Amino acid sequence: MCCPSTRTACWTSAPCPLQTVRSPSWCSIPRTWCAPAKTAGYPTKASHWLRYLRRVFGWAREHDHVTTNPAAGIKQVKEKGDHRMPAVDVFRRVQAYAKQCSARGPRAKGAVPPYLWAAMELAYQARLRGIEVLTLTDAHVDGEVLRTNRRKGSRDNLVRKGAETEEAIAIRSVNNGTTSTIDFLFDKVRFVSPGNGRRMEYSDGHFTGYDENNVRRIRLGTWSS
């Protein structure tokens, strides 16, 4: 990290300019902030520090603590997307283990929800967050593609469905013997109800949850693989 005014490291013999930006009531920047970094930094962190310093010096300038904003002329570091997904072979081994554990039955030692491996598939193939997987519905399936519902400012996009994704979406069960089906991607009922967070349950071979008004408990159907 460089001092905004000197463009040199803060741990040099020159006094750190941050120590001069103070107010008796609010600002007491510890000296440790100007110590040499013990771990390697990242472009995201550098840009975050730059934006923070701009605000600090901007506030100080407005309140006559400094005459200039030395952080105003510094360009932000270009950030590149980092692929943080696990390798395919590693993911498949973990998914196979989840599918194996899901066949142990409810309340068995080491058992996991039977839909876990399918949720893992959707999250991996479409690069979805956990909440984005939970809020998928039938309306997001559009022929050969899956339309995402991204959060945190990310743009929705279309993801081509592979064979494994088709298998995850095709898990169906008949609800009470009628022609209606309960897909893995629910249209009316979600794994976690948005109103009070009550989770859909699976016991004795049946799914139970709450209706679209999040009031009446209903039976959703039986699991079939």
Protein backbone atom coordinates (compact mmCIF):
# COMPACT_ATOMS: atom_id res chain seq x y z
CA MET A 1 0.00 0.00 0.00
CA CYS A 2 1.35 3.41 -0.93
CA CYS A 3 0.79 6.73 0.75
CA PRO A 4 -1.53 8.83 -1.42
CA SER A 5 0.69 11.91 -1.20
CA THR A 6 4.20 10.50 -1.52
CA ARG A 7 3.38 7.45 -3.71
CA THR A 8 5.84 5.53 -1.51
CA ALA A 9 5.35 2.79 1.02
CA CYS A 10 3.76 3.90 4.27
CA TRP A 11 6.44 2.15 6.32
CA THR A 12 9.21 4.49 5.19
CA SER A 13 10.75 7.06 7.52
CA ALA A 14 8.41 9.79 6.26
CA PRO A 15 5.36 10.32 8.48
CA CYS A 16 2.17 8.79 7.17
CA PRO A 17 -0.26 11.47 5.90
CA LEU A 18 -3.17 9.48 7.27
CA GLN A 19 -2.10 10.50 10.76
CA THR A 20 -2.84 14.15 9.92
CA VAL A 21 -6.45 13.49 8.90
CA ARG A 22 -8.06 13.50 12.31
CA SER A 23 -10.93 14.92 14.23
CA PRO A 24 -10.89 14.87 18.03
CA SER A 25 -14.28 13.17 18.13
CA TRP A 26 -14.18 10.52 15.41
CA CYS A 27 -10.85 9.69 13.79
CA SER A 28 -8.08 7.69 15.36
CA ILE A 29 -6.39 5.64 12.65
CA PRO A 30 -4.07 3.03 14.23
CA ARG A 31 -0.48 2.93 13.14
CA THR A 32 -0.77 -0.76 12.29
CA TRP A 33 -2.69 0.18 9.13
CA CYS A 34 0.55 1.54 7.70
CA ALA A 35 2.64 -1.53 8.58
CA PRO A 36 3.99 -3.80 5.82
CA ALA A 37 1.44 -6.29 4.58
CA LYS A 38 2.08 -9.81 5.85
CA THR A 39 0.01 -11.44 3.09
CA ALA A 40 -0.23 -10.78 -0.60
CA GLY A 41 -2.94 -8.36 -1.60
CA TYR A 42 -5.54 -8.68 -4.33
CA PRO A 43 -6.78 -6.17 -6.92
CA THR A 44 -10.19 -6.11 -5.28
CA LYS A 45 -8.70 -5.14 -1.93
CA ALA A 46 -6.51 -2.45 -3.53
CA SER A 47 -9.51 -0.89 -5.26
CA HIS A 48 -11.48 -1.05 -2.03
CA TRP A 49 -8.73 0.80 -0.14
CA LEU A 50 -8.53 3.42 -2.86
CA ARG A 51 -12.26 4.13 -2.71
CA TYR A 52 -12.06 4.33 1.08
CA LEU A 53 -9.14 6.78 1.01
CA ARG A 54 -10.96 8.97 -1.51
CA ARG A 55 -13.91 9.23 0.85
CA VAL A 56 -11.71 9.91 3.88
CA PHE A 57 -9.73 12.68 2.19
CA GLY A 58 -12.89 14.02 0.55
CA TRP A 59 -14.53 14.35 3.95
CA ALA A 60 -11.38 15.93 5.40
CA ARG A 61 -11.24 18.45 2.57
CA GLU A 62 -14.87 19.44 3.03
CA HIS A 63 -14.23 20.04 6.73
CA ASP A 64 -10.97 21.96 6.17
CA HIS A 65 -8.67 19.31 7.62
CA VAL A 66 -6.65 19.10 4.37
CA THR A 67 -6.47 21.31 1.30
CA THR A 68 -6.31 18.60 -1.39
CA ASN A 69 -7.46 15.05 -1.98
CA PRO A 70 -4.28 13.13 -2.89
CA ALA A 71 -6.25 9.95 -3.63
CA ALA A 72 -8.32 11.59 -6.37
CA GLY A 73 -5.78 11.12 -9.15
CA ILE A 74 -5.02 7.43 -8.60
CA LYS A 75 -6.54 4.92 -11.01
CA GLN A 76 -8.23 1.79 -9.75
CA VAL A 77 -6.63 -1.58 -10.36
CA LYS A 78 -8.19 -3.61 -13.16
CA GLU A 79 -9.98 -6.60 -11.69
CA LYS A 80 -10.13 -9.91 -13.53
CA GLY A 81 -12.67 -12.62 -12.94
CA ASP A 82 -11.32 -15.52 -10.92
CA HIS A 83 -12.61 -19.03 -11.58
CA ARG A 84 -13.12 -20.47 -8.10
CA MET A 85 -15.24 -23.49 -8.97
CA PRO A 86 -13.82 -26.94 -8.12
CA ALA A 87 -12.51 -29.20 -10.85
CA VAL A 88 -15.09 -31.39 -12.59
CA ASP A 89 -13.64 -34.69 -11.35
CA VAL A 90 -13.57 -33.41 -7.75
CA PHE A 91 -17.15 -32.17 -7.98
CA ARG A 92 -18.39 -35.47 -9.46
CA ARG A 93 -16.84 -37.46 -6.62
CA VAL A 94 -18.46 -35.24 -3.99
CA GLN A 95 -21.78 -35.38 -5.84
CA ALA A 96 -21.62 -39.18 -6.10
CA TYR A 97 -21.04 -39.36 -2.37
CA ALA A 98 -24.03 -37.07 -1.75
CA LYS A 99 -26.21 -39.27 -3.98
CA GLN A 100 -25.02 -42.36 -2.10
CA CYS A 101 -25.81 -40.79 1.27
CA SER A 102 -29.24 -39.67 0.06
CA ALA A 103 -30.22 -43.33 -0.48
CA ARG A 104 -29.70 -44.26 3.17
CA GLY A 105 -33.16 -43.20 4.17
CA PRO A 106 -34.41 -40.56 6.59
CA ARG A 107 -32.78 -40.33 10.03
CA ALA A 108 -30.06 -42.81 9.09
CA LYS A 109 -26.51 -42.04 10.12
CA GLY A 110 -24.79 -39.92 7.48
CA ALA A 111 -28.01 -39.41 5.50
CA VAL A 112 -28.51 -36.21 3.51
CA PRO A 113 -31.62 -34.79 1.81
CA PRO A 114 -32.43 -36.72 -1.40
CA TYR A 115 -32.49 -33.54 -3.46
CA LEU A 116 -29.02 -32.38 -2.36
CA TRP A 117 -27.13 -33.85 -5.32
CA ALA A 118 -29.60 -32.25 -7.76
CA ALA A 119 -29.22 -28.86 -6.08
CA MET A 120 -25.44 -29.28 -6.31
CA GLU A 121 -25.74 -29.97 -10.04
CA LEU A 122 -27.77 -26.84 -10.70
CA ALA A 123 -25.45 -24.67 -8.62
CA TYR A 124 -22.35 -26.02 -10.37
CA GLN A 125 -23.54 -25.99 -13.96
CA ALA A 126 -25.27 -22.59 -13.81
CA ARG A 127 -22.79 -20.98 -11.35
CA LEU A 128 -25.62 -20.18 -8.93
CA ARG A 129 -25.57 -19.07 -5.33
CA GLY A 130 -27.46 -21.12 -2.78
CA ILE A 131 -30.39 -18.70 -2.61
CA GLU A 132 -30.53 -18.63 -6.41
CA VAL A 133 -30.94 -22.41 -6.49
CA LEU A 134 -33.65 -22.33 -3.83
CA THR A 135 -35.75 -19.77 -5.71
CA LEU A 136 -35.71 -21.49 -9.10
CA THR A 137 -39.17 -22.43 -10.40
CA ASP A 138 -40.65 -24.13 -13.45
CA ALA A 139 -40.86 -20.72 -15.09
CA HIS A 140 -37.06 -20.59 -15.32
CA VAL A 141 -36.90 -23.66 -17.59
CA ASP A 142 -37.08 -22.53 -21.22
CA GLY A 143 -36.65 -25.45 -23.58
CA GLU A 144 -32.99 -26.36 -23.86
CA VAL A 145 -31.80 -23.57 -21.56
CA LEU A 146 -32.20 -22.59 -17.93
CA ARG A 147 -32.85 -18.93 -17.12
CA THR A 148 -31.05 -17.85 -13.96
CA ASN A 149 -32.34 -15.51 -11.26
CA ARG A 150 -29.14 -13.93 -10.00
CA ARG A 151 -28.73 -11.70 -6.95
CA LYS A 152 -26.34 -8.99 -5.75
CA GLY A 153 -26.55 -6.97 -8.95
CA SER A 154 -25.54 -9.79 -11.30
CA ARG A 155 -27.38 -10.00 -14.60
CA ASP A 156 -29.64 -12.92 -15.41
CA ASN A 157 -28.46 -15.14 -18.23
CA LEU A 158 -29.37 -18.31 -20.11
CA VAL A 159 -27.45 -21.50 -19.35
CA ARG A 160 -27.52 -24.45 -21.73
CA LYS A 161 -28.62 -27.61 -19.91
CA GLY A 162 -26.32 -30.61 -20.01
CA ALA A 163 -27.23 -34.26 -19.50
CA GLU A 164 -26.65 -34.10 -15.75
CA THR A 165 -28.66 -30.88 -15.45
CA GLU A 166 -31.55 -32.47 -17.35
CA GLU A 167 -31.44 -35.38 -14.92
CA ALA A 168 -31.58 -33.02 -11.96
CA ILE A 169 -34.54 -31.11 -13.38
CA ALA A 170 -36.36 -34.26 -14.52
CA ILE A 171 -36.78 -35.62 -10.98
CA ARG A 172 -40.54 -35.74 -10.64
CA SER A 173 -43.21 -37.27 -8.47
CA VAL A 174 -46.98 -37.41 -8.87
CA ASN A 175 -48.90 -35.38 -6.32
CA ASN A 176 -51.79 -37.35 -4.78
CA GLY A 177 -52.35 -39.41 -7.93
CA THR A 178 -53.33 -36.43 -10.07
CA THR A 179 -51.81 -35.38 -13.37
CA SER A 180 -50.02 -32.48 -11.76
CA THR A 181 -46.35 -33.04 -11.02
CA ILE A 182 -44.03 -31.76 -8.34
CA ASP A 183 -40.76 -30.93 -10.05
CA PHE A 184 -37.44 -30.27 -8.38
CA LEU A 185 -37.99 -26.67 -9.47
CA PHE A 186 -41.20 -25.79 -7.69
CA ASP A 187 -43.65 -23.29 -9.10
CA LYS A 188 -45.71 -22.68 -5.96
CA VAL A 189 -43.72 -24.20 -3.12
CA ARG A 190 -40.03 -23.62 -2.43
CA PHE A 191 -37.54 -25.53 -0.32
CA VAL A 192 -37.48 -22.57 2.07
CA SER A 193 -40.67 -20.57 2.45
CA PRO A 194 -39.91 -16.87 1.82
CA GLY A 195 -42.29 -15.66 4.50
CA ASN A 196 -40.96 -17.22 7.67
CA GLY A 197 -38.12 -19.44 6.51
CA ARG A 198 -39.89 -22.73 7.31
CA ARG A 199 -38.17 -25.51 5.39
CA MET A 200 -39.80 -28.14 3.24
CA GLU A 201 -39.50 -31.52 5.00
CA TYR A 202 -39.00 -35.07 3.77
CA SER A 203 -40.03 -38.00 5.95
CA ASP A 204 -41.37 -41.51 5.41
CA GLY A 205 -40.99 -41.16 1.67
CA HIS A 206 -43.09 -38.00 1.36
CA PHE A 207 -42.45 -34.30 0.89
CA THR A 208 -44.48 -31.84 2.95
CA GLY A 209 -44.42 -28.08 2.82
CA TYR A 210 -46.64 -25.00 2.86
CA ASP A 211 -48.94 -23.56 0.24
CA GLU A 212 -48.21 -20.42 -1.77
CA ASN A 213 -49.70 -18.27 1.00
CA ASN A 214 -47.32 -19.90 3.49
CA VAL A 215 -50.21 -20.83 5.79
CA ARG A 216 -51.62 -24.31 5.15
CA ARG A 217 -49.37 -27.37 5.35
CA ILE A 218 -49.79 -29.61 2.32
CA ARG A 219 -48.46 -32.91 1.04
CA LEU A 220 -46.32 -32.46 -2.04
CA GLY A 221 -45.80 -36.05 -3.16
CA THR A 222 -43.45 -38.99 -2.97
CA TRP A 223 -39.84 -39.15 -4.05
CA SER A 224 -38.95 -41.21 -7.11
CA SER A 225 -35.54 -41.53 -8.71
